[in-house]
Amino acid sequence: MIRDTNPRAVVAFMVKAIAPQVGETIHDPACGTAGFLVSAYKYLREKCQPKDWKILQSSLSGIEAKSLPLMLAQMNLLLNGVEYPDVERKNSLGTPINQIGVKDQVDVILTNPPFGGEEEAKIKDNFDPKMQTAETALLFLQLIMRLLKSQPNPGRARIVVPNGTLFGDGVSAKIKEKLLTEYIL
């Protein structure tokens, strides 16, 4: 049984707070059953003009590592009006972070990445040696920072992370410093 860990009201609040615009690319690197993507689609559908319909349909993307949530994500998006759901099955952390380029960057990220678990050594090797950790929440934060556009308009994200994630030592402190100096936290 898959349990919905994101109450819809919280998801809708996060989407409204980030205020995506028609034409922006919206991504969830750990989409589960696509709750954030569906909520963003519904939000944008209300603002969409008929001439922008194709743009809206192609603006959402997600990645999910597990096959059952992936299938549910595709079905959820289809049932809510997304004609061609762009949800890929893979581990978002499986690509070396230095291989993520401008073409991979997005305007908006909405996500609740898995946390509390640990990634294997080969996944940790995809990250800067000074920033390697097994903690999934910290790896996803690094991935999200890399995926956000910086030019011409900086990308923005709303992320669910465990309480205290940015108050640890080591990699946690380095990520916090980077967020405070290079991003608007």
N, C-alpha and C. Protein backbone atom coordinates (compact mmCIF):
# COMPACT_ATOMS: atom_id res chain seq x y z
N MET A 1 0.84 -1.18 0.00
CA MET A 1 0.00 0.00 0.00
C MET A 1 0.89 1.25 0.00
N ILE A 2 0.57 2.20 -0.84
CA ILE A 2 1.30 3.46 -0.89
C ILE A 2 0.53 4.49 -0.08
N ARG A 3 1.22 5.11 0.85
CA ARG A 3 0.61 6.09 1.73
C ARG A 3 0.96 7.48 1.22
N ASP A 4 -0.05 8.34 1.14
CA ASP A 4 0.17 9.71 0.71
C ASP A 4 0.81 10.48 1.87
N THR A 5 2.08 10.85 1.71
CA THR A 5 2.79 11.54 2.79
C THR A 5 2.71 13.05 2.67
N ASN A 6 2.07 13.55 1.61
CA ASN A 6 1.93 14.99 1.41
C ASN A 6 0.45 15.35 1.43
N PRO A 7 -0.05 15.84 2.55
CA PRO A 7 -1.44 16.25 2.55
C PRO A 7 -1.70 17.26 1.43
N ARG A 8 -2.79 17.10 0.73
CA ARG A 8 -3.07 17.93 -0.45
C ARG A 8 -3.05 19.42 -0.14
N ALA A 9 -3.55 19.81 1.03
CA ALA A 9 -3.56 21.24 1.38
C ALA A 9 -2.15 21.80 1.47
N VAL A 10 -1.21 21.03 2.00
CA VAL A 10 0.19 21.48 2.09
C VAL A 10 0.79 21.58 0.69
N VAL A 11 0.52 20.58 -0.14
CA VAL A 11 1.03 20.59 -1.51
C VAL A 11 0.46 21.80 -2.26
N ALA A 12 -0.83 22.03 -2.16
CA ALA A 12 -1.46 23.18 -2.83
C ALA A 12 -0.88 24.50 -2.32
N PHE A 13 -0.63 24.59 -1.02
CA PHE A 13 -0.02 25.79 -0.45
C PHE A 13 1.37 26.04 -1.03
N MET A 14 2.17 24.97 -1.11
CA MET A 14 3.52 25.11 -1.65
C MET A 14 3.50 25.55 -3.11
N VAL A 15 2.56 25.01 -3.89
CA VAL A 15 2.44 25.40 -5.30
C VAL A 15 2.03 26.87 -5.39
N LYS A 16 1.04 27.25 -4.61
CA LYS A 16 0.58 28.65 -4.63
C LYS A 16 1.70 29.60 -4.21
N ALA A 17 2.48 29.20 -3.21
CA ALA A 17 3.58 30.04 -2.71
C ALA A 17 4.67 30.24 -3.76
N ILE A 18 4.93 29.23 -4.56
CA ILE A 18 5.98 29.34 -5.58
C ILE A 18 5.46 30.02 -6.85
N ALA A 19 4.14 30.02 -7.01
CA ALA A 19 3.46 30.72 -8.11
C ALA A 19 4.08 30.46 -9.48
N PRO A 20 4.05 29.21 -9.95
CA PRO A 20 4.60 28.94 -11.28
C PRO A 20 3.83 29.70 -12.36
N GLN A 21 4.52 30.00 -13.44
CA GLN A 21 3.92 30.73 -14.55
C GLN A 21 3.87 29.83 -15.78
N VAL A 22 2.87 30.05 -16.62
CA VAL A 22 2.78 29.30 -17.87
C VAL A 22 4.05 29.59 -18.67
N GLY A 23 4.69 28.55 -19.16
CA GLY A 23 5.94 28.69 -19.91
C GLY A 23 7.16 28.31 -19.10
N GLU A 24 7.03 28.26 -17.77
CA GLU A 24 8.14 27.82 -16.93
C GLU A 24 8.19 26.29 -16.91
N THR A 25 9.40 25.76 -16.78
CA THR A 25 9.56 24.32 -16.65
C THR A 25 9.46 23.96 -15.17
N ILE A 26 8.66 22.93 -14.88
CA ILE A 26 8.39 22.52 -13.51
C ILE A 26 8.80 21.06 -13.38
N HIS A 27 9.60 20.77 -12.36
CA HIS A 27 10.19 19.44 -12.24
C HIS A 27 10.10 18.93 -10.80
N ASP A 28 9.91 17.62 -10.67
CA ASP A 28 9.99 16.95 -9.38
C ASP A 28 10.94 15.77 -9.53
N PRO A 29 12.14 15.86 -8.95
CA PRO A 29 13.14 14.79 -9.12
C PRO A 29 12.88 13.55 -8.28
N ALA A 30 11.84 13.56 -7.47
CA ALA A 30 11.45 12.40 -6.67
C ALA A 30 9.92 12.42 -6.58
N CYS A 31 9.27 12.23 -7.73
CA CYS A 31 7.86 12.59 -7.85
C CYS A 31 6.87 11.63 -7.20
N GLY A 32 7.27 10.44 -6.83
CA GLY A 32 6.31 9.54 -6.22
C GLY A 32 5.10 9.36 -7.12
N THR A 33 3.92 9.67 -6.62
CA THR A 33 2.70 9.53 -7.42
C THR A 33 2.30 10.84 -8.10
N ALA A 34 3.19 11.80 -8.15
CA ALA A 34 3.06 13.07 -8.90
C ALA A 34 2.11 14.08 -8.27
N GLY A 35 1.96 14.05 -6.97
CA GLY A 35 1.08 15.01 -6.30
C GLY A 35 1.46 16.46 -6.55
N PHE A 36 2.75 16.78 -6.49
CA PHE A 36 3.18 18.16 -6.75
C PHE A 36 2.94 18.55 -8.21
N LEU A 37 3.22 17.64 -9.12
CA LEU A 37 3.04 17.94 -10.54
C LEU A 37 1.57 18.14 -10.87
N VAL A 38 0.70 17.31 -10.32
CA VAL A 38 -0.74 17.46 -10.55
C VAL A 38 -1.23 18.79 -9.97
N SER A 39 -0.79 19.11 -8.78
CA SER A 39 -1.20 20.37 -8.16
C SER A 39 -0.71 21.57 -8.97
N ALA A 40 0.51 21.53 -9.45
CA ALA A 40 1.05 22.61 -10.28
C ALA A 40 0.26 22.72 -11.59
N TYR A 41 -0.08 21.57 -12.17
CA TYR A 41 -0.87 21.56 -13.41
C TYR A 41 -2.24 22.20 -13.18
N LYS A 42 -2.91 21.83 -12.10
CA LYS A 42 -4.23 22.41 -11.81
C LYS A 42 -4.12 23.91 -11.58
N TYR A 43 -3.08 24.33 -10.87
CA TYR A 43 -2.86 25.76 -10.62
C TYR A 43 -2.69 26.51 -11.93
N LEU A 44 -1.86 25.97 -12.82
CA LEU A 44 -1.58 26.63 -14.10
C LEU A 44 -2.75 26.55 -15.07
N ARG A 45 -3.49 25.47 -15.02
CA ARG A 45 -4.63 25.28 -15.92
C ARG A 45 -5.63 26.42 -15.76
N GLU A 46 -5.79 26.91 -14.53
CA GLU A 46 -6.71 28.03 -14.26
C GLU A 46 -6.22 29.34 -14.89
N LYS A 47 -4.93 29.46 -15.11
CA LYS A 47 -4.33 30.69 -15.64
C LYS A 47 -4.01 30.60 -17.13
N CYS A 48 -4.21 29.44 -17.69
CA CYS A 48 -3.76 29.15 -19.05
C CYS A 48 -4.76 29.66 -20.10
N GLN A 49 -4.26 30.35 -21.09
CA GLN A 49 -5.06 30.76 -22.24
C GLN A 49 -5.03 29.63 -23.27
N PRO A 50 -6.06 29.52 -24.12
CA PRO A 50 -6.07 28.44 -25.12
C PRO A 50 -4.79 28.38 -25.96
N LYS A 51 -4.22 29.53 -26.28
CA LYS A 51 -3.00 29.55 -27.11
C LYS A 51 -1.79 28.94 -26.38
N ASP A 52 -1.87 28.86 -25.04
CA ASP A 52 -0.76 28.34 -24.23
C ASP A 52 -0.92 26.88 -23.84
N TRP A 53 -1.96 26.22 -24.33
CA TRP A 53 -2.28 24.86 -23.89
C TRP A 53 -1.13 23.88 -24.14
N LYS A 54 -0.53 23.94 -25.32
CA LYS A 54 0.57 23.01 -25.63
C LYS A 54 1.79 23.29 -24.76
N ILE A 55 2.03 24.55 -24.48
CA ILE A 55 3.15 24.92 -23.60
C ILE A 55 2.94 24.33 -22.22
N LEU A 56 1.72 24.47 -21.69
CA LEU A 56 1.42 23.91 -20.38
C LEU A 56 1.59 22.40 -20.37
N GLN A 57 1.13 21.74 -21.39
CA GLN A 57 1.20 20.29 -21.46
C GLN A 57 2.64 19.77 -21.44
N SER A 58 3.56 20.56 -21.97
CA SER A 58 4.96 20.09 -22.05
C SER A 58 5.86 20.69 -20.97
N SER A 59 5.29 21.39 -20.00
CA SER A 59 6.12 22.08 -19.01
C SER A 59 6.42 21.26 -17.76
N LEU A 60 5.76 20.12 -17.58
CA LEU A 60 5.92 19.33 -16.36
C LEU A 60 6.78 18.10 -16.60
N SER A 61 7.67 17.80 -15.65
CA SER A 61 8.46 16.57 -15.75
C SER A 61 8.76 16.04 -14.36
N GLY A 62 8.96 14.74 -14.30
CA GLY A 62 9.27 14.12 -13.02
C GLY A 62 10.14 12.90 -13.20
N ILE A 63 10.74 12.50 -12.11
CA ILE A 63 11.56 11.29 -12.09
C ILE A 63 11.15 10.50 -10.84
N GLU A 64 11.04 9.20 -11.02
CA GLU A 64 10.69 8.31 -9.91
C GLU A 64 11.51 7.04 -10.05
N ALA A 65 12.09 6.59 -8.95
CA ALA A 65 12.97 5.42 -8.99
C ALA A 65 12.23 4.09 -8.94
N LYS A 66 11.04 4.07 -8.41
CA LYS A 66 10.32 2.81 -8.23
C LYS A 66 9.19 2.68 -9.24
N SER A 67 8.99 1.45 -9.73
CA SER A 67 8.04 1.23 -10.83
C SER A 67 6.58 1.44 -10.45
N LEU A 68 6.12 1.01 -9.28
CA LEU A 68 4.71 1.18 -8.94
C LEU A 68 4.34 2.66 -8.78
N PRO A 69 5.09 3.45 -8.00
CA PRO A 69 4.76 4.88 -7.94
C PRO A 69 4.86 5.55 -9.30
N LEU A 70 5.79 5.11 -10.15
CA LEU A 70 5.92 5.68 -11.49
C LEU A 70 4.64 5.45 -12.28
N MET A 71 4.12 4.23 -12.25
CA MET A 71 2.89 3.93 -12.97
C MET A 71 1.73 4.75 -12.40
N LEU A 72 1.66 4.89 -11.08
CA LEU A 72 0.61 5.69 -10.46
C LEU A 72 0.76 7.17 -10.81
N ALA A 73 1.99 7.65 -10.90
CA ALA A 73 2.23 9.04 -11.28
C ALA A 73 1.71 9.31 -12.70
N GLN A 74 2.03 8.41 -13.61
CA GLN A 74 1.57 8.59 -14.99
C GLN A 74 0.05 8.58 -15.05
N MET A 75 -0.57 7.66 -14.33
CA MET A 75 -2.03 7.58 -14.32
C MET A 75 -2.63 8.81 -13.68
N ASN A 76 -2.06 9.27 -12.58
CA ASN A 76 -2.54 10.46 -11.89
C ASN A 76 -2.50 11.68 -12.82
N LEU A 77 -1.40 11.84 -13.53
CA LEU A 77 -1.27 12.97 -14.45
C LEU A 77 -2.28 12.85 -15.61
N LEU A 78 -2.41 11.66 -16.15
CA LEU A 78 -3.38 11.45 -17.24
C LEU A 78 -4.80 11.76 -16.78
N LEU A 79 -5.18 11.24 -15.63
CA LEU A 79 -6.54 11.45 -15.12
C LEU A 79 -6.84 12.90 -14.80
N ASN A 80 -5.80 13.68 -14.58
CA ASN A 80 -5.99 15.09 -14.27
C ASN A 80 -5.79 16.01 -15.47
N GLY A 81 -5.59 15.43 -16.66
CA GLY A 81 -5.58 16.24 -17.87
C GLY A 81 -4.26 16.41 -18.58
N VAL A 82 -3.17 15.85 -18.05
CA VAL A 82 -1.88 15.95 -18.74
C VAL A 82 -1.87 14.87 -19.82
N GLU A 83 -1.82 15.29 -21.07
CA GLU A 83 -1.98 14.36 -22.19
C GLU A 83 -0.81 13.41 -22.37
N TYR A 84 0.41 13.89 -22.16
CA TYR A 84 1.60 13.06 -22.34
C TYR A 84 2.52 13.23 -21.13
N PRO A 85 2.23 12.50 -20.05
CA PRO A 85 3.04 12.66 -18.83
C PRO A 85 4.52 12.36 -19.08
N ASP A 86 5.37 13.28 -18.66
CA ASP A 86 6.81 13.13 -18.81
C ASP A 86 7.40 12.74 -17.46
N VAL A 87 7.25 11.46 -17.13
CA VAL A 87 7.78 10.93 -15.88
C VAL A 87 8.68 9.75 -16.24
N GLU A 88 9.91 9.85 -15.81
CA GLU A 88 10.92 8.87 -16.17
C GLU A 88 11.28 8.00 -14.97
N ARG A 89 11.55 6.72 -15.23
CA ARG A 89 11.96 5.82 -14.14
C ARG A 89 13.49 5.76 -14.09
N LYS A 90 14.02 6.35 -13.03
CA LYS A 90 15.45 6.25 -12.75
C LYS A 90 15.71 6.88 -11.39
N ASN A 91 16.90 6.72 -10.89
CA ASN A 91 17.31 7.36 -9.65
C ASN A 91 17.88 8.73 -10.02
N SER A 92 17.24 9.78 -9.57
CA SER A 92 17.70 11.15 -9.88
C SER A 92 19.13 11.39 -9.44
N LEU A 93 19.55 10.69 -8.41
CA LEU A 93 20.91 10.86 -7.88
C LEU A 93 21.95 10.07 -8.65
N GLY A 94 21.52 9.31 -9.66
CA GLY A 94 22.42 8.43 -10.40
C GLY A 94 23.27 9.11 -11.45
N THR A 95 22.98 10.36 -11.76
CA THR A 95 23.78 11.11 -12.74
C THR A 95 24.84 11.92 -12.00
N PRO A 96 26.09 11.82 -12.41
CA PRO A 96 27.12 12.66 -11.77
C PRO A 96 26.72 14.13 -11.83
N ILE A 97 26.80 14.79 -10.72
CA ILE A 97 26.31 16.16 -10.61
C ILE A 97 27.03 17.11 -11.56
N ASN A 98 28.29 16.83 -11.85
CA ASN A 98 29.04 17.71 -12.76
C ASN A 98 28.64 17.51 -14.23
N GLN A 99 27.81 16.50 -14.51
CA GLN A 99 27.31 16.30 -15.87
C GLN A 99 25.95 16.96 -16.10
N ILE A 100 25.40 17.57 -15.07
CA ILE A 100 24.13 18.28 -15.20
C ILE A 100 24.44 19.68 -15.71
N GLY A 101 23.99 19.96 -16.91
CA GLY A 101 24.30 21.24 -17.54
C GLY A 101 23.11 22.16 -17.66
N VAL A 102 23.30 23.26 -18.33
CA VAL A 102 22.27 24.28 -18.51
C VAL A 102 21.02 23.69 -19.17
N LYS A 103 21.21 22.78 -20.12
CA LYS A 103 20.06 22.19 -20.82
C LYS A 103 19.18 21.36 -19.88
N ASP A 104 19.72 20.92 -18.75
CA ASP A 104 18.98 20.11 -17.78
C ASP A 104 18.28 20.95 -16.71
N GLN A 105 18.58 22.23 -16.68
CA GLN A 105 18.08 23.07 -15.60
C GLN A 105 16.63 23.49 -15.85
N VAL A 106 15.93 23.75 -14.74
CA VAL A 106 14.51 24.06 -14.77
C VAL A 106 14.22 25.34 -14.00
N ASP A 107 13.01 25.87 -14.22
CA ASP A 107 12.59 27.10 -13.53
C ASP A 107 12.10 26.84 -12.12
N VAL A 108 11.35 25.75 -11.95
CA VAL A 108 10.68 25.47 -10.68
C VAL A 108 10.87 24.01 -10.30
N ILE A 109 11.19 23.78 -9.03
CA ILE A 109 11.24 22.42 -8.49
C ILE A 109 10.32 22.38 -7.27
N LEU A 110 9.45 21.40 -7.28
CA LEU A 110 8.57 21.11 -6.15
C LEU A 110 8.78 19.65 -5.80
N THR A 111 9.17 19.35 -4.57
CA THR A 111 9.46 17.96 -4.27
C THR A 111 9.46 17.65 -2.77
N ASN A 112 9.25 16.41 -2.49
CA ASN A 112 9.41 15.83 -1.16
C ASN A 112 10.30 14.62 -1.34
N PRO A 113 11.63 14.83 -1.41
CA PRO A 113 12.52 13.70 -1.69
C PRO A 113 12.55 12.71 -0.53
N PRO A 114 12.92 11.49 -0.83
CA PRO A 114 13.02 10.51 0.26
C PRO A 114 14.15 10.91 1.21
N PHE A 115 13.90 10.72 2.49
CA PHE A 115 14.94 11.03 3.46
C PHE A 115 14.93 9.98 4.55
N GLY A 116 16.00 9.98 5.31
CA GLY A 116 16.13 8.98 6.36
C GLY A 116 16.86 7.74 5.88
N GLY A 117 17.02 7.62 4.58
CA GLY A 117 17.73 6.47 4.04
C GLY A 117 19.16 6.84 3.69
N GLU A 118 19.86 5.85 3.20
CA GLU A 118 21.23 6.09 2.78
C GLU A 118 21.44 5.53 1.39
N GLU A 119 22.23 6.23 0.62
CA GLU A 119 22.56 5.79 -0.74
C GLU A 119 23.86 5.00 -0.70
N GLU A 120 24.03 4.16 -1.69
CA GLU A 120 25.24 3.34 -1.77
C GLU A 120 26.42 4.17 -2.27
N ALA A 121 27.60 3.63 -2.11
CA ALA A 121 28.85 4.34 -2.42
C ALA A 121 28.90 4.84 -3.85
N LYS A 122 28.42 4.05 -4.82
CA LYS A 122 28.52 4.50 -6.21
C LYS A 122 27.66 5.73 -6.47
N ILE A 123 26.58 5.92 -5.72
CA ILE A 123 25.76 7.14 -5.84
C ILE A 123 26.50 8.31 -5.21
N LYS A 124 27.09 8.11 -4.04
CA LYS A 124 27.85 9.18 -3.38
C LYS A 124 28.96 9.69 -4.28
N ASP A 125 29.55 8.80 -5.08
CA ASP A 125 30.64 9.18 -5.97
C ASP A 125 30.21 10.15 -7.07
N ASN A 126 28.91 10.31 -7.27
CA ASN A 126 28.39 11.24 -8.27
C ASN A 126 28.47 12.70 -7.80
N PHE A 127 28.88 12.91 -6.57
CA PHE A 127 28.90 14.25 -5.98
C PHE A 127 30.33 14.68 -5.68
N ASP A 128 30.51 15.99 -5.55
CA ASP A 128 31.81 16.57 -5.23
C ASP A 128 32.38 15.85 -4.00
N PRO A 129 33.65 15.44 -4.05
CA PRO A 129 34.25 14.72 -2.92
C PRO A 129 34.10 15.44 -1.58
N LYS A 130 34.08 16.77 -1.59
CA LYS A 130 33.94 17.54 -0.35
C LYS A 130 32.49 17.56 0.15
N MET A 131 31.56 17.11 -0.71
CA MET A 131 30.13 17.19 -0.37
C MET A 131 29.47 15.81 -0.33
N GLN A 132 30.27 14.77 -0.32
CA GLN A 132 29.70 13.42 -0.35
C GLN A 132 29.13 13.02 1.01
N THR A 133 27.99 12.37 0.93
CA THR A 133 27.30 11.86 2.10
C THR A 133 26.39 10.73 1.65
N ALA A 134 25.97 9.90 2.55
CA ALA A 134 25.03 8.84 2.21
C ALA A 134 23.59 9.31 2.44
N GLU A 135 23.39 10.40 3.19
CA GLU A 135 22.05 10.89 3.54
C GLU A 135 21.32 11.42 2.29
N THR A 136 20.21 10.80 1.97
CA THR A 136 19.49 11.14 0.74
C THR A 136 18.99 12.59 0.71
N ALA A 137 18.52 13.11 1.83
CA ALA A 137 18.01 14.49 1.84
C ALA A 137 19.11 15.47 1.44
N LEU A 138 20.32 15.26 1.94
CA LEU A 138 21.43 16.16 1.62
C LEU A 138 21.87 16.00 0.16
N LEU A 139 21.82 14.81 -0.36
CA LEU A 139 22.15 14.60 -1.77
C LEU A 139 21.10 15.27 -2.67
N PHE A 140 19.84 15.14 -2.30
CA PHE A 140 18.79 15.78 -3.10
C PHE A 140 18.90 17.30 -3.05
N LEU A 141 19.27 17.86 -1.92
CA LEU A 141 19.45 19.31 -1.86
C LEU A 141 20.55 19.76 -2.83
N GLN A 142 21.65 19.01 -2.89
CA GLN A 142 22.72 19.34 -3.83
C GLN A 142 22.24 19.22 -5.28
N LEU A 143 21.49 18.17 -5.56
CA LEU A 143 20.94 17.98 -6.90
C LEU A 143 20.01 19.12 -7.28
N ILE A 144 19.15 19.50 -6.37
CA ILE A 144 18.18 20.57 -6.65
C ILE A 144 18.90 21.89 -6.92
N MET A 145 19.93 22.19 -6.13
CA MET A 145 20.68 23.43 -6.38
C MET A 145 21.28 23.42 -7.79
N ARG A 146 21.75 22.27 -8.23
CA ARG A 146 22.35 22.15 -9.56
C ARG A 146 21.30 22.24 -10.67
N LEU A 147 20.09 21.74 -10.39
CA LEU A 147 19.03 21.71 -11.40
C LEU A 147 18.34 23.06 -11.62
N LEU A 148 18.46 23.98 -10.67
CA LEU A 148 17.78 25.26 -10.80
C LEU A 148 18.52 26.19 -11.77
N LYS A 149 17.76 26.80 -12.65
CA LYS A 149 18.34 27.78 -13.57
C LYS A 149 18.93 28.94 -12.80
N SER A 150 19.99 29.50 -13.34
CA SER A 150 20.55 30.70 -12.72
C SER A 150 20.38 31.92 -13.62
N GLN A 151 20.26 31.70 -14.91
CA GLN A 151 20.13 32.79 -15.88
C GLN A 151 18.98 32.51 -16.83
N PRO A 152 18.29 33.43 -17.40
CA PRO A 152 18.30 34.85 -17.05
C PRO A 152 17.56 35.13 -15.75
N ASN A 153 16.59 34.28 -15.40
CA ASN A 153 15.88 34.42 -14.13
C ASN A 153 16.20 33.22 -13.26
N PRO A 154 16.61 33.46 -12.03
CA PRO A 154 16.95 32.33 -11.15
C PRO A 154 15.74 31.41 -10.93
N GLY A 155 16.01 30.11 -10.91
CA GLY A 155 14.96 29.16 -10.61
C GLY A 155 14.62 29.21 -9.13
N ARG A 156 13.51 28.56 -8.78
CA ARG A 156 13.09 28.55 -7.39
C ARG A 156 12.53 27.18 -7.02
N ALA A 157 12.59 26.87 -5.75
CA ALA A 157 12.17 25.54 -5.31
C ALA A 157 11.42 25.63 -3.99
N ARG A 158 10.55 24.66 -3.81
CA ARG A 158 9.89 24.42 -2.53
C ARG A 158 10.12 22.94 -2.25
N ILE A 159 10.74 22.65 -1.12
CA ILE A 159 11.19 21.29 -0.82
C ILE A 159 10.78 20.92 0.60
N VAL A 160 10.30 19.70 0.77
CA VAL A 160 10.03 19.17 2.10
C VAL A 160 11.27 18.40 2.54
N VAL A 161 11.86 18.81 3.65
CA VAL A 161 13.02 18.10 4.21
C VAL A 161 12.78 17.88 5.70
N PRO A 162 13.48 16.93 6.29
CA PRO A 162 13.30 16.68 7.72
C PRO A 162 13.73 17.88 8.56
N ASN A 163 13.07 18.03 9.68
CA ASN A 163 13.42 19.08 10.63
C ASN A 163 14.88 18.94 11.03
N GLY A 164 15.64 20.02 10.99
CA GLY A 164 17.02 20.00 11.41
C GLY A 164 18.03 19.63 10.32
N THR A 165 17.56 19.42 9.09
CA THR A 165 18.45 19.00 8.00
C THR A 165 19.63 19.94 7.83
N LEU A 166 19.40 21.23 7.93
CA LEU A 166 20.46 22.21 7.68
C LEU A 166 21.19 22.65 8.93
N PHE A 167 21.01 21.95 10.03
CA PHE A 167 21.63 22.37 11.28
C PHE A 167 22.68 21.40 11.79
N GLY A 168 23.11 20.51 10.92
CA GLY A 168 24.16 19.57 11.29
C GLY A 168 25.54 20.09 10.94
N ASP A 169 26.53 19.26 11.18
CA ASP A 169 27.91 19.57 10.84
C ASP A 169 28.26 18.96 9.49
N GLY A 170 29.49 19.11 9.08
CA GLY A 170 30.00 18.47 7.88
C GLY A 170 29.30 18.93 6.61
N VAL A 171 28.80 17.97 5.83
CA VAL A 171 28.16 18.27 4.55
C VAL A 171 26.92 19.15 4.76
N SER A 172 26.18 18.89 5.81
CA SER A 172 24.99 19.69 6.11
C SER A 172 25.36 21.18 6.26
N ALA A 173 26.40 21.46 6.98
CA ALA A 173 26.85 22.84 7.19
C ALA A 173 27.33 23.47 5.88
N LYS A 174 28.00 22.67 5.03
CA LYS A 174 28.47 23.18 3.73
C LYS A 174 27.29 23.52 2.82
N ILE A 175 26.27 22.68 2.83
CA ILE A 175 25.08 22.94 2.00
C ILE A 175 24.37 24.19 2.51
N LYS A 176 24.24 24.31 3.82
CA LYS A 176 23.61 25.49 4.40
C LYS A 176 24.36 26.75 4.01
N GLU A 177 25.69 26.72 4.10
CA GLU A 177 26.50 27.88 3.72
C GLU A 177 26.27 28.24 2.24
N LYS A 178 26.25 27.23 1.39
CA LYS A 178 26.04 27.48 -0.04
C LYS A 178 24.64 28.06 -0.28
N LEU A 179 23.64 27.54 0.40
CA LEU A 179 22.28 28.07 0.26
C LEU A 179 22.20 29.52 0.71
N LEU A 180 22.91 29.85 1.78
CA LEU A 180 22.87 31.22 2.31
C LEU A 180 23.68 32.20 1.48
N THR A 181 24.74 31.75 0.82
CA THR A 181 25.60 32.66 0.06
C THR A 181 25.27 32.73 -1.43
N GLU A 182 24.76 31.63 -2.00
CA GLU A 182 24.53 31.60 -3.44
C GLU A 182 23.04 31.57 -3.81
N TYR A 183 22.19 31.36 -2.85
CA TYR A 183 20.75 31.25 -3.11
C TYR A 183 20.00 32.12 -2.11
N ILE A 184 18.73 32.32 -2.37
CA ILE A 184 17.89 33.02 -1.41
C ILE A 184 17.14 31.95 -0.64
N LEU A 185 17.52 31.77 0.60
CA LEU A 185 16.94 30.71 1.43
C LEU A 185 15.79 31.26 2.23
